[in-house]
Amino acid sequence: MNRFPPLESDPLFMKGDSALIPFYPSNINNLNRGAVIICPGGNLEYLHPREGTVVARWVAETLGIPAFVLRYRLLPDCDWSTMISDFHKGVRLVRQHANGGPVVSFGFSAGGYLCSAAA
């Protein structure tokens, strides 16, 4: 059984503006614990499918923390400043769902570099 959607229907592979893909815990009482932003890697040219939704689902279901995968815009269509702007926009939006709790970001490879550079 394949746990990953076909690439043509994977939200990480859709062109367009940046986006946040939300994953909420099933226990509604955990919604005041803050939130997590996950930035997948992919050499700044694509977003790796195993470094986004799979991890966000685990954070939400196992840790009980709302998680959001950031689909940031990529090379060659966008430059580094656009990616940083996408990250900052994502943080502003996720803060609205963190209910006053902390917002934590982490990423894989290029996504980790984006997190640290934007901070």
C-alpha atoms as a PDB file:
ATOM      1  CA  MET A   1       0.000   0.000   0.000  1.00  0.00           C
ATOM      2  CA  ASN A   2       1.473   3.337  -1.075  1.00  0.00           C
ATOM      3  CA  ARG A   3       1.085   6.059   1.575  1.00  0.00           C
ATOM      4  CA  PHE A   4       1.941   8.854  -0.856  1.00  0.00           C
ATOM      5  CA  PRO A   5      -0.438  10.452  -3.349  1.00  0.00           C
ATOM      6  CA  PRO A   6       0.444  10.429  -7.043  1.00  0.00           C
ATOM      7  CA  LEU A   7       2.663  13.421  -7.808  1.00  0.00           C
ATOM      8  CA  GLU A   8       0.017  15.088  -9.973  1.00  0.00           C
ATOM      9  CA  SER A   9      -2.323  15.236  -6.953  1.00  0.00           C
ATOM     10  CA  ASP A  10       0.331  15.890  -4.277  1.00  0.00           C
ATOM     11  CA  PRO A  11      -0.164  19.449  -2.958  1.00  0.00           C
ATOM     12  CA  LEU A  12       3.618  19.872  -2.673  1.00  0.00           C
ATOM     13  CA  PHE A  13       3.984  19.494  -6.436  1.00  0.00           C
ATOM     14  CA  MET A  14       1.295  21.978  -7.463  1.00  0.00           C
ATOM     15  CA  LYS A  15       2.489  25.222  -9.013  1.00  0.00           C
ATOM     16  CA  GLY A  16       1.337  28.573  -7.741  1.00  0.00           C
ATOM     17  CA  ASP A  17       1.662  30.775  -4.712  1.00  0.00           C
ATOM     18  CA  SER A  18       2.988  29.534  -1.405  1.00  0.00           C
ATOM     19  CA  ALA A  19       0.585  27.569   0.765  1.00  0.00           C
ATOM     20  CA  LEU A  20       0.222  25.947   4.166  1.00  0.00           C
ATOM     21  CA  ILE A  21      -1.059  22.394   4.320  1.00  0.00           C
ATOM     22  CA  PRO A  22      -2.643  21.889   7.778  1.00  0.00           C
ATOM     23  CA  PHE A  23      -2.673  18.783   9.962  1.00  0.00           C
ATOM     24  CA  TYR A  24      -4.627  19.033  13.208  1.00  0.00           C
ATOM     25  CA  PRO A  25      -4.560  16.662  16.184  1.00  0.00           C
ATOM     26  CA  SER A  26      -7.688  14.610  16.747  1.00  0.00           C
ATOM     27  CA  ASN A  27      -7.794  15.726  20.393  1.00  0.00           C
ATOM     28  CA  ILE A  28      -9.283  19.226  20.332  1.00  0.00           C
ATOM     29  CA  ASN A  29      -7.874  19.905  23.835  1.00  0.00           C
ATOM     30  CA  ASN A  30      -4.354  20.054  22.405  1.00  0.00           C
ATOM     31  CA  LEU A  31      -5.048  23.045  20.191  1.00  0.00           C
ATOM     32  CA  ASN A  32      -3.521  25.470  22.711  1.00  0.00           C
ATOM     33  CA  ARG A  33      -0.050  23.915  22.646  1.00  0.00           C
ATOM     34  CA  GLY A  34       1.388  26.044  19.844  1.00  0.00           C
ATOM     35  CA  ALA A  35       2.083  24.894  16.303  1.00  0.00           C
ATOM     36  CA  VAL A  36       4.811  23.550  14.047  1.00  0.00           C
ATOM     37  CA  ILE A  37       5.837  24.627  10.549  1.00  0.00           C
ATOM     38  CA  ILE A  38       7.602  21.983   8.485  1.00  0.00           C
ATOM     39  CA  CYS A  39       9.672  22.942   5.449  1.00  0.00           C
ATOM     40  CA  PRO A  40      10.495  20.001   3.174  1.00  0.00           C
ATOM     41  CA  GLY A  41      13.834  19.822   1.425  1.00  0.00           C
ATOM     42  CA  GLY A  42      14.455  19.345  -2.262  1.00  0.00           C
ATOM     43  CA  ASN A  43      17.485  21.376  -3.337  1.00  0.00           C
ATOM     44  CA  LEU A  44      15.274  24.507  -3.565  1.00  0.00           C
ATOM     45  CA  GLU A  45      13.924  23.059  -6.830  1.00  0.00           C
ATOM     46  CA  TYR A  46      11.188  20.709  -5.599  1.00  0.00           C
ATOM     47  CA  LEU A  47       9.620  19.682  -2.262  1.00  0.00           C
ATOM     48  CA  HIS A  48      10.307  16.116  -1.199  1.00  0.00           C
ATOM     49  CA  PRO A  49       7.029  14.258  -0.507  1.00  0.00           C
ATOM     50  CA  ARG A  50       8.441  12.222   2.404  1.00  0.00           C
ATOM     51  CA  GLU A  51       9.632  15.298   4.255  1.00  0.00           C
ATOM     52  CA  GLY A  52       6.354  17.163   4.493  1.00  0.00           C
ATOM     53  CA  THR A  53       2.945  15.620   4.933  1.00  0.00           C
ATOM     54  CA  VAL A  54       4.187  12.364   6.467  1.00  0.00           C
ATOM     55  CA  VAL A  55       6.087  14.239   9.185  1.00  0.00           C
ATOM     56  CA  ALA A  56       3.269  16.735   9.769  1.00  0.00           C
ATOM     57  CA  ARG A  57       0.746  13.931  10.181  1.00  0.00           C
ATOM     58  CA  TRP A  58       3.047  12.265  12.742  1.00  0.00           C
ATOM     59  CA  VAL A  59       3.488  15.532  14.704  1.00  0.00           C
ATOM     60  CA  ALA A  60      -0.273  16.117  14.816  1.00  0.00           C
ATOM     61  CA  GLU A  61      -1.314  12.539  15.612  1.00  0.00           C
ATOM     62  CA  THR A  62       1.531  11.451  17.896  1.00  0.00           C
ATOM     63  CA  LEU A  63       2.531  14.673  19.640  1.00  0.00           C
ATOM     64  CA  GLY A  64      -0.909  16.307  19.508  1.00  0.00           C
ATOM     65  CA  ILE A  65       0.427  19.564  18.051  1.00  0.00           C
ATOM     66  CA  PRO A  66      -1.059  21.282  14.995  1.00  0.00           C
ATOM     67  CA  ALA A  67       1.431  21.019  12.132  1.00  0.00           C
ATOM     68  CA  PHE A  68       1.603  22.916   8.867  1.00  0.00           C
ATOM     69  CA  VAL A  69       3.664  22.000   5.820  1.00  0.00           C
ATOM     70  CA  LEU A  70       4.928  25.087   4.031  1.00  0.00           C
ATOM     71  CA  ARG A  71       4.813  24.870   0.261  1.00  0.00           C
ATOM     72  CA  TYR A  72       7.282  27.588  -0.587  1.00  0.00           C
ATOM     73  CA  ARG A  73       8.003  28.776  -4.103  1.00  0.00           C
ATOM     74  CA  LEU A  74      11.091  27.345  -5.761  1.00  0.00           C
ATOM     75  CA  LEU A  75      13.918  27.851  -8.234  1.00  0.00           C
ATOM     76  CA  PRO A  76      14.079  28.664 -11.093  1.00  0.00           C
ATOM     77  CA  ASP A  77      10.744  30.512 -11.029  1.00  0.00           C
ATOM     78  CA  CYS A  78      11.479  32.376  -7.775  1.00  0.00           C
ATOM     79  CA  ASP A  79      14.539  33.661  -5.999  1.00  0.00           C
ATOM     80  CA  TRP A  80      15.801  33.292  -2.435  1.00  0.00           C
ATOM     81  CA  SER A  81      14.082  36.464  -1.191  1.00  0.00           C
ATOM     82  CA  THR A  82      10.730  35.081  -2.384  1.00  0.00           C
ATOM     83  CA  MET A  83      11.302  31.871  -0.417  1.00  0.00           C
ATOM     84  CA  ILE A  84      12.149  33.872   2.719  1.00  0.00           C
ATOM     85  CA  SER A  85       9.006  35.951   2.189  1.00  0.00           C
ATOM     86  CA  ASP A  86       6.936  32.748   1.850  1.00  0.00           C
ATOM     87  CA  PHE A  87       8.361  31.531   5.165  1.00  0.00           C
ATOM     88  CA  HIS A  88       7.562  34.798   6.980  1.00  0.00           C
ATOM     89  CA  LYS A  89       4.030  34.786   5.556  1.00  0.00           C
ATOM     90  CA  GLY A  90       3.622  31.198   6.765  1.00  0.00           C
ATOM     91  CA  VAL A  91       4.747  32.121  10.290  1.00  0.00           C
ATOM     92  CA  ARG A  92       2.238  34.976  10.441  1.00  0.00           C
ATOM     93  CA  LEU A  93      -0.593  32.660   9.371  1.00  0.00           C
ATOM     94  CA  VAL A  94       0.384  29.813  11.714  1.00  0.00           C
ATOM     95  CA  ARG A  95       0.517  32.198  14.690  1.00  0.00           C
ATOM     96  CA  GLN A  96      -3.231  32.618  14.236  1.00  0.00           C
ATOM     97  CA  HIS A  97      -3.631  28.863  14.900  1.00  0.00           C
ATOM     98  CA  ALA A  98      -1.148  28.601  17.772  1.00  0.00           C
ATOM     99  CA  ASN A  99      -3.561  30.142  20.340  1.00  0.00           C
ATOM    100  CA  GLY A 100      -0.769  32.083  22.019  1.00  0.00           C
ATOM    101  CA  GLY A 101       1.552  29.090  22.165  1.00  0.00           C
ATOM    102  CA  PRO A 102       4.971  28.939  20.541  1.00  0.00           C
ATOM    103  CA  VAL A 103       5.486  28.498  16.809  1.00  0.00           C
ATOM    104  CA  VAL A 104       8.347  26.154  16.007  1.00  0.00           C
ATOM    105  CA  SER A 105       9.782  25.580  12.556  1.00  0.00           C
ATOM    106  CA  PHE A 106      12.047  22.886  11.251  1.00  0.00           C
ATOM    107  CA  GLY A 107      12.998  21.600   7.892  1.00  0.00           C
ATOM    108  CA  PHE A 108      14.967  19.044   5.989  1.00  0.00           C
ATOM    109  CA  SER A 109      18.028  19.945   3.944  1.00  0.00           C
ATOM    110  CA  ALA A 110      17.047  23.013   1.891  1.00  0.00           C
ATOM    111  CA  GLY A 111      13.955  23.470   4.067  1.00  0.00           C
ATOM    112  CA  GLY A 112      16.140  23.525   7.186  1.00  0.00           C
ATOM    113  CA  TYR A 113      18.356  26.109   5.555  1.00  0.00           C
ATOM    114  CA  LEU A 114      15.281  28.202   4.769  1.00  0.00           C
ATOM    115  CA  CYS A 115      14.150  28.017   8.422  1.00  0.00           C
ATOM    116  CA  SER A 116      17.528  29.107   9.752  1.00  0.00           C
ATOM    117  CA  ALA A 117      18.093  31.814   7.139  1.00  0.00           C
ATOM    118  CA  ALA A 118      14.637  33.311   7.659  1.00  0.00           C
ATOM    119  CA  ALA A 119      15.112  33.382  11.439  1.00  0.00           C
END
